[in-house]
C-alpha atoms as a PDB file:
ATOM      1  CA  MET A   1       0.006  -0.031  -0.004  1.00  0.00           C
ATOM      2  CA  PRO A   2       1.257   3.581  -0.754  1.00  0.00           C
ATOM      3  CA  ILE A   3       2.127   5.980   1.969  1.00  0.00           C
ATOM      4  CA  ASP A   4      -0.623   8.558   1.444  1.00  0.00           C
ATOM      5  CA  LEU A   5       0.354  11.979   2.673  1.00  0.00           C
ATOM      6  CA  ARG A   6      -1.750  14.042   0.219  1.00  0.00           C
ATOM      7  CA  SER A   7      -4.371  15.079   3.035  1.00  0.00           C
ATOM      8  CA  ASP A   8      -5.753  13.992   6.365  1.00  0.00           C
ATOM      9  CA  THR A   9      -8.995  13.474   4.467  1.00  0.00           C
ATOM     10  CA  VAL A  10      -7.776  10.130   2.962  1.00  0.00           C
ATOM     11  CA  THR A  11      -8.097   8.241   6.234  1.00  0.00           C
ATOM     12  CA  LYS A  12     -10.327   5.165   6.272  1.00  0.00           C
ATOM     13  CA  PRO A  13     -12.644   4.169   9.240  1.00  0.00           C
ATOM     14  CA  SER A  14     -11.070   1.724  11.533  1.00  0.00           C
ATOM     15  CA  ALA A  15     -12.788  -1.684  12.205  1.00  0.00           C
ATOM     16  CA  ALA A  16     -14.062  -0.340  15.672  1.00  0.00           C
ATOM     17  CA  MET A  17     -15.487   2.719  13.957  1.00  0.00           C
ATOM     18  CA  ARG A  18     -17.288   0.548  11.441  1.00  0.00           C
ATOM     19  CA  ARG A  19     -18.742  -1.414  14.338  1.00  0.00           C
ATOM     20  CA  ALA A  20     -20.039   1.758  15.861  1.00  0.00           C
ATOM     21  CA  MET A  21     -21.534   2.718  12.630  1.00  0.00           C
ATOM     22  CA  ALA A  22     -23.259  -0.556  12.156  1.00  0.00           C
ATOM     23  CA  GLU A  23     -24.599  -0.699  15.540  1.00  0.00           C
ATOM     24  CA  ALA A  24     -25.848   2.960  15.749  1.00  0.00           C
ATOM     25  CA  GLU A  25     -29.296   3.771  16.932  1.00  0.00           C
ATOM     26  CA  VAL A  26     -31.033   5.614  14.009  1.00  0.00           C
ATOM     27  CA  GLY A  27     -34.233   7.499  13.094  1.00  0.00           C
ATOM     28  CA  ASP A  28     -35.340   9.828  10.360  1.00  0.00           C
ATOM     29  CA  ASP A  29     -33.310  13.017  10.924  1.00  0.00           C
ATOM     30  CA  VAL A  30     -35.606  15.217   8.697  1.00  0.00           C
ATOM     31  CA  TYR A  31     -38.203  14.427  11.390  1.00  0.00           C
ATOM     32  CA  GLY A  32     -35.617  15.124  14.123  1.00  0.00           C
ATOM     33  CA  GLU A  33     -35.815  11.562  15.239  1.00  0.00           C
ATOM     34  CA  ASP A  34     -32.258  10.366  14.831  1.00  0.00           C
ATOM     35  CA  PRO A  35     -31.031   9.911  18.397  1.00  0.00           C
ATOM     36  CA  THR A  36     -27.322   9.424  17.474  1.00  0.00           C
ATOM     37  CA  ALA A  37     -27.227  12.656  15.430  1.00  0.00           C
ATOM     38  CA  ARG A  38     -28.916  14.613  18.395  1.00  0.00           C
ATOM     39  CA  ALA A  39     -26.365  13.163  20.702  1.00  0.00           C
ATOM     40  CA  LEU A  40     -23.472  14.309  18.351  1.00  0.00           C
ATOM     41  CA  GLU A  41     -24.996  17.729  17.925  1.00  0.00           C
ATOM     42  CA  GLU A  42     -25.347  18.249  21.726  1.00  0.00           C
ATOM     43  CA  ARG A  43     -22.000  16.912  22.469  1.00  0.00           C
ATOM     44  CA  VAL A  44     -20.194  19.186  20.047  1.00  0.00           C
ATOM     45  CA  ALA A  45     -22.343  22.210  21.032  1.00  0.00           C
ATOM     46  CA  ALA A  46     -21.312  21.666  24.543  1.00  0.00           C
ATOM     47  CA  LEU A  47     -17.632  21.053  23.703  1.00  0.00           C
ATOM     48  CA  LEU A  48     -17.514  24.367  21.870  1.00  0.00           C
ATOM     49  CA  GLY A  49     -19.565  26.339  24.385  1.00  0.00           C
ATOM     50  CA  LYS A  50     -22.515  26.977  22.126  1.00  0.00           C
ATOM     51  CA  GLN A  51     -26.224  26.526  22.485  1.00  0.00           C
ATOM     52  CA  ALA A  52     -26.939  24.203  19.582  1.00  0.00           C
ATOM     53  CA  GLY A  53     -25.333  22.127  16.932  1.00  0.00           C
ATOM     54  CA  LEU A  54     -26.400  20.938  13.397  1.00  0.00           C
ATOM     55  CA  PHE A  55     -24.760  17.862  11.628  1.00  0.00           C
ATOM     56  CA  VAL A  56     -23.787  18.719   7.992  1.00  0.00           C
ATOM     57  CA  PRO A  57     -22.089  16.318   5.456  1.00  0.00           C
ATOM     58  CA  SER A  58     -19.230  18.578   4.861  1.00  0.00           C
ATOM     59  CA  GLY A  59     -17.233  21.590   6.148  1.00  0.00           C
ATOM     60  CA  THR A  60     -17.935  23.484   2.967  1.00  0.00           C
ATOM     61  CA  MET A  61     -21.663  23.094   3.727  1.00  0.00           C
ATOM     62  CA  GLY A  62     -21.075  24.171   7.262  1.00  0.00           C
ATOM     63  CA  ASN A  63     -19.438  27.342   6.137  1.00  0.00           C
ATOM     64  CA  GLN A  64     -21.756  28.251   3.516  1.00  0.00           C
ATOM     65  CA  ILE A  65     -24.771  27.790   5.780  1.00  0.00           C
ATOM     66  CA  ALA A  66     -23.009  30.131   8.278  1.00  0.00           C
ATOM     67  CA  ILE A  67     -22.219  32.778   5.739  1.00  0.00           C
ATOM     68  CA  ALA A  68     -25.851  32.697   4.515  1.00  0.00           C
ATOM     69  CA  CYS A  69     -27.236  32.909   8.078  1.00  0.00           C
ATOM     70  CA  HIS A  70     -25.096  35.907   8.898  1.00  0.00           C
ATOM     71  CA  SER A  71     -25.555  37.964   5.567  1.00  0.00           C
ATOM     72  CA  GLU A  72     -27.847  39.035   3.022  1.00  0.00           C
ATOM     73  CA  ARG A  73     -27.129  39.525  -0.820  1.00  0.00           C
ATOM     74  CA  GLY A  74     -24.715  42.263  -1.679  1.00  0.00           C
ATOM     75  CA  ASP A  75     -22.983  42.088   1.792  1.00  0.00           C
ATOM     76  CA  GLU A  76     -19.228  41.952   2.241  1.00  0.00           C
ATOM     77  CA  VAL A  77     -17.497  39.051   4.104  1.00  0.00           C
ATOM     78  CA  TYR A  78     -13.934  39.374   5.313  1.00  0.00           C
ATOM     79  CA  ALA A  79     -11.590  36.191   5.493  1.00  0.00           C
ATOM     80  CA  GLY A  80      -7.850  35.574   5.767  1.00  0.00           C
ATOM     81  CA  GLY A  81      -5.830  35.378   2.672  1.00  0.00           C
ATOM     82  CA  GLY A  82      -5.958  31.797   1.127  1.00  0.00           C
ATOM     83  CA  SER A  83      -9.095  30.903   3.289  1.00  0.00           C
ATOM     84  CA  HIS A  84     -10.820  27.765   2.475  1.00  0.00           C
ATOM     85  CA  CYS A  85     -14.124  29.583   1.915  1.00  0.00           C
ATOM     86  CA  ILE A  86     -12.422  31.790  -0.743  1.00  0.00           C
ATOM     87  CA  TRP A  87     -10.165  28.980  -2.480  1.00  0.00           C
ATOM     88  CA  TYR A  88     -11.935  25.683  -2.096  1.00  0.00           C
ATOM     89  CA  GLU A  89     -15.797  26.125  -2.025  1.00  0.00           C
ATOM     90  CA  SER A  90     -16.372  26.501  -5.736  1.00  0.00           C
ATOM     91  CA  GLY A  91     -17.386  30.114  -5.362  1.00  0.00           C
ATOM     92  CA  ALA A  92     -20.398  29.157  -3.374  1.00  0.00           C
ATOM     93  CA  ALA A  93     -20.677  32.317  -1.363  1.00  0.00           C
ATOM     94  CA  ALA A  94     -21.065  34.349  -4.535  1.00  0.00           C
ATOM     95  CA  ALA A  95     -23.467  31.904  -6.232  1.00  0.00           C
ATOM     96  CA  TRP A  96     -25.650  31.027  -3.316  1.00  0.00           C
ATOM     97  CA  SER A  97     -25.529  33.811  -0.773  1.00  0.00           C
ATOM     98  CA  GLY A  98     -24.587  36.551  -3.254  1.00  0.00           C
ATOM     99  CA  VAL A  99     -21.952  38.016  -1.028  1.00  0.00           C
ATOM    100  CA  GLN A 100     -18.599  39.587  -1.785  1.00  0.00           C
ATOM    101  CA  LEU A 101     -15.558  37.862  -0.253  1.00  0.00           C
ATOM    102  CA  VAL A 102     -12.558  40.064   0.611  1.00  0.00           C
ATOM    103  CA  GLU A 103      -9.141  38.573   1.513  1.00  0.00           C
ATOM    104  CA  VAL A 104      -7.460  40.071   4.470  1.00  0.00           C
ATOM    105  CA  GLY A 105      -3.808  39.750   5.280  1.00  0.00           C
ATOM    106  CA  GLN A 106      -1.460  36.923   3.989  1.00  0.00           C
ATOM    107  CA  SER A 107      -1.021  33.337   4.728  1.00  0.00           C
ATOM    108  CA  GLY A 108      -4.373  32.989   6.325  1.00  0.00           C
ATOM    109  CA  LEU A 109      -3.539  35.219   9.473  1.00  0.00           C
ATOM    110  CA  PHE A 110      -4.328  38.718   9.802  1.00  0.00           C
ATOM    111  CA  THR A 111      -4.324  41.572  12.285  1.00  0.00           C
ATOM    112  CA  ALA A 112      -7.027  43.649  13.891  1.00  0.00           C
ATOM    113  CA  GLU A 113      -5.391  46.653  12.015  1.00  0.00           C
ATOM    114  CA  GLU A 114      -5.513  44.844   8.700  1.00  0.00           C
ATOM    115  CA  LEU A 115      -9.181  44.115   9.276  1.00  0.00           C
ATOM    116  CA  ASP A 116     -10.021  47.567  10.337  1.00  0.00           C
ATOM    117  CA  ALA A 117      -8.354  48.916   7.244  1.00  0.00           C
ATOM    118  CA  ALA A 118     -10.373  46.523   4.952  1.00  0.00           C
ATOM    119  CA  ILE A 119     -13.789  47.258   6.349  1.00  0.00           C
ATOM    120  CA  LYS A 120     -15.705  49.643   4.013  1.00  0.00           C
ATOM    121  CA  PRO A 121     -17.735  52.595   5.259  1.00  0.00           C
ATOM    122  CA  ARG A 122     -21.460  52.046   5.600  1.00  0.00           C
ATOM    123  CA  ALA A 123     -22.743  53.996   2.678  1.00  0.00           C
ATOM    124  CA  TYR A 124     -25.475  53.079   0.153  1.00  0.00           C
ATOM    125  CA  TYR A 125     -22.757  53.017  -2.531  1.00  0.00           C
ATOM    126  CA  CYS A 126     -20.630  50.382  -0.778  1.00  0.00           C
ATOM    127  CA  PRO A 127     -21.360  46.793   0.058  1.00  0.00           C
ATOM    128  CA  ASN A 128     -22.598  46.304   3.535  1.00  0.00           C
ATOM    129  CA  PRO A 129     -19.871  44.919   5.846  1.00  0.00           C
ATOM    130  CA  ARG A 130     -21.295  41.881   7.610  1.00  0.00           C
ATOM    131  CA  LEU A 131     -19.129  38.976   8.706  1.00  0.00           C
ATOM    132  CA  VAL A 132     -15.681  37.999   9.462  1.00  0.00           C
ATOM    133  CA  VAL A 133     -14.465  34.413   8.912  1.00  0.00           C
ATOM    134  CA  VAL A 134     -11.441  33.022  10.696  1.00  0.00           C
ATOM    135  CA  GLU A 135      -9.897  29.739   9.673  1.00  0.00           C
ATOM    136  CA  ASN A 136      -8.139  27.851  12.455  1.00  0.00           C
ATOM    137  CA  THR A 137      -5.891  26.013  11.745  1.00  0.00           C
ATOM    138  CA  HIS A 138      -5.272  27.484   8.288  1.00  0.00           C
ATOM    139  CA  ASN A 139      -4.831  24.947   5.583  1.00  0.00           C
ATOM    140  CA  ARG A 140      -2.893  27.077   2.884  1.00  0.00           C
ATOM    141  CA  GLY A 141      -0.985  28.763   5.613  1.00  0.00           C
ATOM    142  CA  GLY A 142       0.453  25.236   6.328  1.00  0.00           C
ATOM    143  CA  GLY A 143      -1.682  24.220   9.272  1.00  0.00           C
ATOM    144  CA  ARG A 144      -0.860  27.316  11.141  1.00  0.00           C
ATOM    145  CA  VAL A 145      -2.691  28.288  14.375  1.00  0.00           C
ATOM    146  CA  PHE A 146      -4.346  31.693  14.530  1.00  0.00           C
ATOM    147  CA  PRO A 147      -3.044  33.029  17.858  1.00  0.00           C
ATOM    148  CA  GLN A 148      -5.853  33.509  20.327  1.00  0.00           C
ATOM    149  CA  GLU A 149      -4.672  36.799  21.498  1.00  0.00           C
ATOM    150  CA  ARG A 150      -4.925  38.020  17.924  1.00  0.00           C
ATOM    151  CA  VAL A 151      -8.364  36.442  17.567  1.00  0.00           C
ATOM    152  CA  LEU A 152      -9.528  38.473  20.342  1.00  0.00           C
ATOM    153  CA  GLU A 153      -8.139  41.679  18.934  1.00  0.00           C
ATOM    154  CA  VAL A 154      -9.937  40.912  15.603  1.00  0.00           C
ATOM    155  CA  ALA A 155     -13.167  40.187  17.390  1.00  0.00           C
ATOM    156  CA  GLU A 156     -13.008  43.440  19.132  1.00  0.00           C
ATOM    157  CA  VAL A 157     -12.643  45.312  15.709  1.00  0.00           C
ATOM    158  CA  ALA A 158     -15.448  43.270  14.161  1.00  0.00           C
ATOM    159  CA  ARG A 159     -17.818  44.066  17.089  1.00  0.00           C
ATOM    160  CA  ARG A 160     -16.931  47.618  17.000  1.00  0.00           C
ATOM    161  CA  HIS A 161     -18.081  47.642  13.307  1.00  0.00           C
ATOM    162  CA  GLY A 162     -21.231  45.654  14.056  1.00  0.00           C
ATOM    163  CA  LEU A 163     -19.895  42.510  12.297  1.00  0.00           C
ATOM    164  CA  SER A 164     -20.602  38.970  13.124  1.00  0.00           C
ATOM    165  CA  LEU A 165     -17.900  36.341  13.416  1.00  0.00           C
ATOM    166  CA  HIS A 166     -17.734  32.634  12.090  1.00  0.00           C
ATOM    167  CA  LEU A 167     -14.936  30.188  12.880  1.00  0.00           C
ATOM    168  CA  ASP A 168     -14.031  27.813  10.198  1.00  0.00           C
ATOM    169  CA  GLY A 169     -12.607  25.238  12.646  1.00  0.00           C
ATOM    170  CA  ALA A 170     -12.188  22.247  10.271  1.00  0.00           C
ATOM    171  CA  ARG A 171      -9.039  21.524  12.019  1.00  0.00           C
ATOM    172  CA  LEU A 172      -9.819  23.255  15.449  1.00  0.00           C
ATOM    173  CA  TRP A 173      -9.013  19.967  17.125  1.00  0.00           C
ATOM    174  CA  ASN A 174      -5.368  20.442  15.924  1.00  0.00           C
ATOM    175  CA  ALA A 175      -5.297  24.053  17.224  1.00  0.00           C
ATOM    176  CA  ALA A 176      -6.501  22.913  20.637  1.00  0.00           C
ATOM    177  CA  VAL A 177      -3.807  20.246  20.895  1.00  0.00           C
ATOM    178  CA  ALA A 178      -1.088  22.668  19.677  1.00  0.00           C
ATOM    179  CA  THR A 179      -1.974  25.380  21.995  1.00  0.00           C
ATOM    180  CA  GLY A 180      -3.224  23.540  25.044  1.00  0.00           C
ATOM    181  CA  ARG A 181      -6.380  25.538  24.914  1.00  0.00           C
ATOM    182  CA  GLY A 182      -9.796  23.977  24.989  1.00  0.00           C
ATOM    183  CA  GLU A 183     -12.056  24.197  21.908  1.00  0.00           C
ATOM    184  CA  ALA A 184     -14.725  26.219  23.881  1.00  0.00           C
ATOM    185  CA  GLU A 185     -12.033  28.847  24.600  1.00  0.00           C
ATOM    186  CA  LEU A 186     -10.938  29.049  20.969  1.00  0.00           C
ATOM    187  CA  ALA A 187     -14.475  29.242  19.789  1.00  0.00           C
ATOM    188  CA  ALA A 188     -15.717  31.652  22.390  1.00  0.00           C
ATOM    189  CA  PRO A 189     -15.248  35.012  20.426  1.00  0.00           C
ATOM    190  CA  PHE A 190     -17.334  33.570  17.561  1.00  0.00           C
ATOM    191  CA  ASP A 191     -21.109  33.678  16.862  1.00  0.00           C
ATOM    192  CA  THR A 192     -20.873  30.394  14.913  1.00  0.00           C
ATOM    193  CA  ALA A 193     -18.249  27.671  14.368  1.00  0.00           C
ATOM    194  CA  SER A 194     -17.898  24.639  12.254  1.00  0.00           C
ATOM    195  CA  VAL A 195     -15.767  21.590  13.002  1.00  0.00           C
ATOM    196  CA  CYS A 196     -14.888  18.674  10.875  1.00  0.00           C
ATOM    197  CA  PHE A 197     -14.582  14.970  11.676  1.00  0.00           C
ATOM    198  CA  SER A 198     -13.359  13.646   8.350  1.00  0.00           C
ATOM    199  CA  LYS A 199      -9.755  15.028   8.607  1.00  0.00           C
ATOM    200  CA  GLY A 200      -7.578  14.553  11.663  1.00  0.00           C
ATOM    201  CA  LEU A 201     -10.237  12.619  13.541  1.00  0.00           C
ATOM    202  CA  GLY A 202     -10.593  10.179  10.762  1.00  0.00           C
ATOM    203  CA  ALA A 203     -14.411   9.770  10.352  1.00  0.00           C
ATOM    204  CA  PRO A 204     -15.441   9.176   6.699  1.00  0.00           C
ATOM    205  CA  VAL A 205     -17.981  11.930   6.610  1.00  0.00           C
ATOM    206  CA  GLY A 206     -19.250  14.849   8.672  1.00  0.00           C
ATOM    207  CA  SER A 207     -19.015  18.229  10.317  1.00  0.00           C
ATOM    208  CA  VAL A 208     -21.121  20.072  12.735  1.00  0.00           C
ATOM    209  CA  LEU A 209     -22.096  23.714  12.812  1.00  0.00           C
ATOM    210  CA  VAL A 210     -22.610  25.280  16.280  1.00  0.00           C
ATOM    211  CA  GLY A 211     -24.195  28.554  17.397  1.00  0.00           C
ATOM    212  CA  PRO A 212     -27.315  30.106  18.987  1.00  0.00           C
ATOM    213  CA  SER A 213     -30.448  28.033  18.965  1.00  0.00           C
ATOM    214  CA  ALA A 214     -32.393  30.537  16.871  1.00  0.00           C
ATOM    215  CA  LEU A 215     -29.842  30.864  14.219  1.00  0.00           C
ATOM    216  CA  LEU A 216     -29.400  27.181  14.062  1.00  0.00           C
ATOM    217  CA  GLU A 217     -33.015  26.733  13.263  1.00  0.00           C
ATOM    218  CA  LYS A 218     -32.493  28.968  10.338  1.00  0.00           C
ATOM    219  CA  ALA A 219     -29.429  26.890   9.462  1.00  0.00           C
ATOM    220  CA  ARG A 220     -31.460  23.649   9.586  1.00  0.00           C
ATOM    221  CA  ARG A 221     -33.863  25.222   6.801  1.00  0.00           C
ATOM    222  CA  LEU A 222     -30.785  26.239   4.685  1.00  0.00           C
ATOM    223  CA  ARG A 223     -29.431  22.776   5.089  1.00  0.00           C
ATOM    224  CA  LYS A 224     -32.631  21.326   3.709  1.00  0.00           C
ATOM    225  CA  MET A 225     -32.491  23.779   0.749  1.00  0.00           C
ATOM    226  CA  LEU A 226     -28.981  22.483  -0.110  1.00  0.00           C
ATOM    227  CA  GLY A 227     -29.977  18.862   0.020  1.00  0.00           C
ATOM    228  CA  GLY A 228     -28.460  18.170   3.362  1.00  0.00           C
ATOM    229  CA  GLY A 229     -31.555  17.037   4.999  1.00  0.00           C
ATOM    230  CA  MET A 230     -30.693  13.431   5.152  1.00  0.00           C
ATOM    231  CA  ARG A 231     -32.511  10.468   6.829  1.00  0.00           C
ATOM    232  CA  GLN A 232     -30.981   7.756   8.967  1.00  0.00           C
ATOM    233  CA  ILE A 233     -27.674   9.817   9.510  1.00  0.00           C
ATOM    234  CA  GLY A 234     -26.865   8.172  12.775  1.00  0.00           C
ATOM    235  CA  VAL A 235     -24.590   5.753  10.869  1.00  0.00           C
ATOM    236  CA  LEU A 236     -22.493   8.768   9.996  1.00  0.00           C
ATOM    237  CA  ALA A 237     -22.877  10.596  13.358  1.00  0.00           C
ATOM    238  CA  ALA A 238     -21.802   7.438  14.964  1.00  0.00           C
ATOM    239  CA  ALA A 239     -18.412   7.488  13.356  1.00  0.00           C
ATOM    240  CA  CYS A 240     -18.011  11.186  14.408  1.00  0.00           C
ATOM    241  CA  LEU A 241     -18.735  10.354  17.942  1.00  0.00           C
ATOM    242  CA  TYR A 242     -16.329   7.421  17.848  1.00  0.00           C
ATOM    243  CA  ALA A 243     -13.646   9.697  16.348  1.00  0.00           C
ATOM    244  CA  LEU A 244     -14.337  12.480  18.919  1.00  0.00           C
ATOM    245  CA  GLU A 245     -13.883  10.034  21.772  1.00  0.00           C
ATOM    246  CA  HIS A 246     -11.076   7.946  20.509  1.00  0.00           C
ATOM    247  CA  HIS A 247      -9.026   9.891  18.016  1.00  0.00           C
ATOM    248  CA  ARG A 248      -8.873  13.400  19.411  1.00  0.00           C
ATOM    249  CA  SER A 249      -6.217  12.632  22.126  1.00  0.00           C
ATOM    250  CA  ARG A 250      -3.785  11.073  19.548  1.00  0.00           C
ATOM    251  CA  LEU A 251      -3.476  14.146  17.395  1.00  0.00           C
ATOM    252  CA  ALA A 252      -0.326  15.120  19.063  1.00  0.00           C
ATOM    253  CA  ALA A 253       1.356  12.126  17.320  1.00  0.00           C
ATOM    254  CA  ASP A 254       0.477  13.578  13.867  1.00  0.00           C
ATOM    255  CA  HIS A 255       2.050  16.818  14.947  1.00  0.00           C
ATOM    256  CA  GLU A 256       5.261  15.052  16.046  1.00  0.00           C
ATOM    257  CA  HIS A 257       5.296  13.018  12.759  1.00  0.00           C
ATOM    258  CA  ALA A 258       4.922  16.204  10.663  1.00  0.00           C
ATOM    259  CA  ALA A 259       7.877  17.922  12.618  1.00  0.00           C
ATOM    260  CA  ARG A 260      10.001  14.825  11.847  1.00  0.00           C
ATOM    261  CA  PHE A 261       9.115  14.894   8.305  1.00  0.00           C
ATOM    262  CA  ALA A 262      10.087  18.532   8.025  1.00  0.00           C
ATOM    263  CA  GLU A 263      13.268  17.844   9.790  1.00  0.00           C
ATOM    264  CA  LEU A 264      14.375  15.264   7.256  1.00  0.00           C
ATOM    265  CA  ALA A 265      13.030  17.216   4.138  1.00  0.00           C
ATOM    266  CA  ARG A 266      15.268  20.094   5.058  1.00  0.00           C
ATOM    267  CA  THR A 267      18.267  17.838   4.320  1.00  0.00           C
ATOM    268  CA  GLY A 268      17.115  17.314   0.604  1.00  0.00           C
ATOM    269  CA  ARG A 269      18.859  19.415  -1.935  1.00  0.00           C
ATOM    270  CA  GLY A 270      17.075  22.698  -2.587  1.00  0.00           C
ATOM    271  CA  ALA A 271      14.388  22.042  -0.168  1.00  0.00           C
ATOM    272  CA  ALA A 272      12.996  24.342   2.682  1.00  0.00           C
ATOM    273  CA  ALA A 273      10.580  22.990   5.152  1.00  0.00           C
ATOM    274  CA  PRO A 274       9.690  25.352   8.124  1.00  0.00           C
ATOM    275  CA  ALA A 275       8.830  23.469  11.316  1.00  0.00           C
ATOM    276  CA  PRO A 276       5.087  22.860  11.232  1.00  0.00           C
ATOM    277  CA  GLU A 277       2.738  24.104  13.939  1.00  0.00           C
ATOM    278  CA  THR A 278       0.381  21.182  13.523  1.00  0.00           C
ATOM    279  CA  ASN A 279       0.104  18.244  10.941  1.00  0.00           C
ATOM    280  CA  ILE A 280       0.706  20.117   7.616  1.00  0.00           C
ATOM    281  CA  VAL A 281       4.233  20.442   6.179  1.00  0.00           C
ATOM    282  CA  MET A 282       4.860  22.757   3.283  1.00  0.00           C
ATOM    283  CA  VAL A 283       8.044  22.006   1.461  1.00  0.00           C
ATOM    284  CA  ASP A 284       9.455  24.734  -0.919  1.00  0.00           C
ATOM    285  CA  LEU A 285      11.584  23.630  -3.719  1.00  0.00           C
ATOM    286  CA  ASP A 286      14.224  25.050  -6.001  1.00  0.00           C
ATOM    287  CA  ARG A 287      12.567  23.293  -8.940  1.00  0.00           C
ATOM    288  CA  ASP A 288       9.302  22.230 -10.374  1.00  0.00           C
ATOM    289  CA  ALA A 289       7.011  20.300  -7.914  1.00  0.00           C
ATOM    290  CA  ALA A 290       5.012  18.230 -10.390  1.00  0.00           C
ATOM    291  CA  PRO A 291       8.069  15.853 -11.401  1.00  0.00           C
ATOM    292  CA  ILE A 292       8.809  15.400  -7.831  1.00  0.00           C
ATOM    293  CA  VAL A 293       5.256  14.394  -7.033  1.00  0.00           C
ATOM    294  CA  VAL A 294       5.509  11.785  -9.914  1.00  0.00           C
ATOM    295  CA  ALA A 295       8.871  10.422  -8.827  1.00  0.00           C
ATOM    296  CA  LEU A 296       7.701   9.980  -5.304  1.00  0.00           C
ATOM    297  CA  ALA A 297       4.490   8.160  -6.449  1.00  0.00           C
ATOM    298  CA  GLU A 298       6.702   5.702  -8.225  1.00  0.00           C
ATOM    299  CA  GLN A 299       8.260   4.856  -4.874  1.00  0.00           C
ATOM    300  CA  GLY A 300       4.916   4.505  -3.244  1.00  0.00           C
ATOM    301  CA  VAL A 301       4.704   7.880  -1.523  1.00  0.00           C
ATOM    302  CA  LEU A 302       1.784  10.237  -2.311  1.00  0.00           C
ATOM    303  CA  VAL A 303       2.141  13.917  -1.762  1.00  0.00           C
ATOM    304  CA  SER A 304       0.355  16.983  -3.289  1.00  0.00           C
ATOM    305  CA  ALA A 305       1.793  19.731  -5.475  1.00  0.00           C
ATOM    306  CA  PHE A 306       0.616  22.830  -3.675  1.00  0.00           C
ATOM    307  CA  GLY A 307       2.020  25.477  -6.096  1.00  0.00           C
ATOM    308  CA  PRO A 308       4.527  25.423  -8.970  1.00  0.00           C
ATOM    309  CA  ARG A 309       7.432  24.793  -6.486  1.00  0.00           C
ATOM    310  CA  ARG A 310       5.695  23.649  -3.397  1.00  0.00           C
ATOM    311  CA  LEU A 311       4.747  20.333  -1.901  1.00  0.00           C
ATOM    312  CA  ARG A 312       2.110  19.755   0.849  1.00  0.00           C
ATOM    313  CA  VAL A 313       2.584  16.840   3.184  1.00  0.00           C
ATOM    314  CA  VAL A 314      -0.202  16.046   5.728  1.00  0.00           C
ATOM    315  CA  THR A 315       0.325  13.448   8.504  1.00  0.00           C
ATOM    316  CA  HIS A 316      -2.659  11.492   9.896  1.00  0.00           C
ATOM    317  CA  LEU A 317      -3.718   8.491  11.966  1.00  0.00           C
ATOM    318  CA  ASP A 318      -3.332   5.982   9.038  1.00  0.00           C
ATOM    319  CA  VAL A 319       0.420   6.666   8.772  1.00  0.00           C
ATOM    320  CA  GLY A 320       2.810   5.832  11.511  1.00  0.00           C
ATOM    321  CA  ALA A 321       6.203   7.123  12.546  1.00  0.00           C
ATOM    322  CA  ALA A 322       8.008   4.491  10.252  1.00  0.00           C
ATOM    323  CA  ASP A 323       5.887   5.524   7.277  1.00  0.00           C
ATOM    324  CA  VAL A 324       6.734   9.142   7.878  1.00  0.00           C
ATOM    325  CA  GLU A 325      10.335   8.316   8.128  1.00  0.00           C
ATOM    326  CA  ARG A 326      10.390   6.292   4.932  1.00  0.00           C
ATOM    327  CA  ALA A 327       8.489   8.918   2.975  1.00  0.00           C
ATOM    328  CA  ALA A 328      10.626  11.755   4.093  1.00  0.00           C
ATOM    329  CA  ARG A 329      13.881   9.827   3.133  1.00  0.00           C
ATOM    330  CA  ALA A 330      12.360   8.972  -0.345  1.00  0.00           C
ATOM    331  CA  LEU A 331      11.872  12.724  -0.946  1.00  0.00           C
ATOM    332  CA  VAL A 332      15.459  13.420   0.126  1.00  0.00           C
ATOM    333  CA  ALA A 333      16.633  10.716  -2.234  1.00  0.00           C
ATOM    334  CA  VAL A 334      14.527  12.118  -5.114  1.00  0.00           C
ATOM    335  CA  LEU A 335      15.913  15.485  -4.506  1.00  0.00           C
ATOM    336  CA  GLY A 336      19.386  14.245  -4.536  1.00  0.00           C
ATOM    337  CA  GLY A 337      20.217  15.228  -0.907  1.00  0.00           C
ATOM    338  CA  GLY A 338      21.995  13.248   1.769  1.00  0.00           C
ATOM    339  CA  GLY A 339      23.075  13.193   5.220  1.00  0.00           C
ATOM    340  CA  ALA A 340      19.684  13.088   6.892  1.00  0.00           C
ATOM    341  CA  PRO A 341      19.917  12.748  10.726  1.00  0.00           C
END
């Protein structure tokens, strides 16, 4: 089997997770009768310190429902440079909510001053400023953690301007492990937050959107509009509950594996790999990335080209320390480097 480091989304459910799915108590969720889905929604809402939760099949749907709940057509939404809702959600915010997305800062992180400068005046000839989206951890930024002190400063500016805040916390679990802060603390400044179970936690499907009960009722209606009103979803929610209880505590191992991969990758000729904050390694090359991806695949190592001269490597629960070591040494060999520690 190849060592697949393209993303933490490639994980497969374990035998124990599959058993939990098979044995899940289920009901028709559109009628509000799926007990396992209710249990997951209540558990995640409590964990993030919010009133209510809503299961959605993907983080993209969670983000887009949140944007629609907070905004009206013609409004302006601010998000960090390279944010998932700008790059990887197929233009949904423009097509569905009719809002204008504005990038603030670089590499996903931005300051309160940068946000303040980006917010347009409230005038009939300008889009109406409405929402700030923070992604934590930040995918394109290399799994970077948005520092909580900076989050609080950004939130203060947003509130002063009368803006709402949404947290794209697809990998919030990783941020909590990296910082030692609880998920509720990280989510506290935000009106809504979405968290994903099919990345580092290893479930096959699922995210949960949390926030105030009244807003989540609106979100439920919007989920139905998008085709997300599914039926016996307890089989999916059970996987998320299993992941939450059994896989969250082991995320630190993924961070350690990513750090080791970066350490080895830096010994490759023409490679720069900053020490990662979580489980995503960005490797910048002095040559085209595409041929390196092909050469590694021929050796049974799968990584992603994340730019003309950049590779992205993501550690996860389906790759162990030995796999990461072998993959990194394969990269060094392909690059023509040597002397790896």
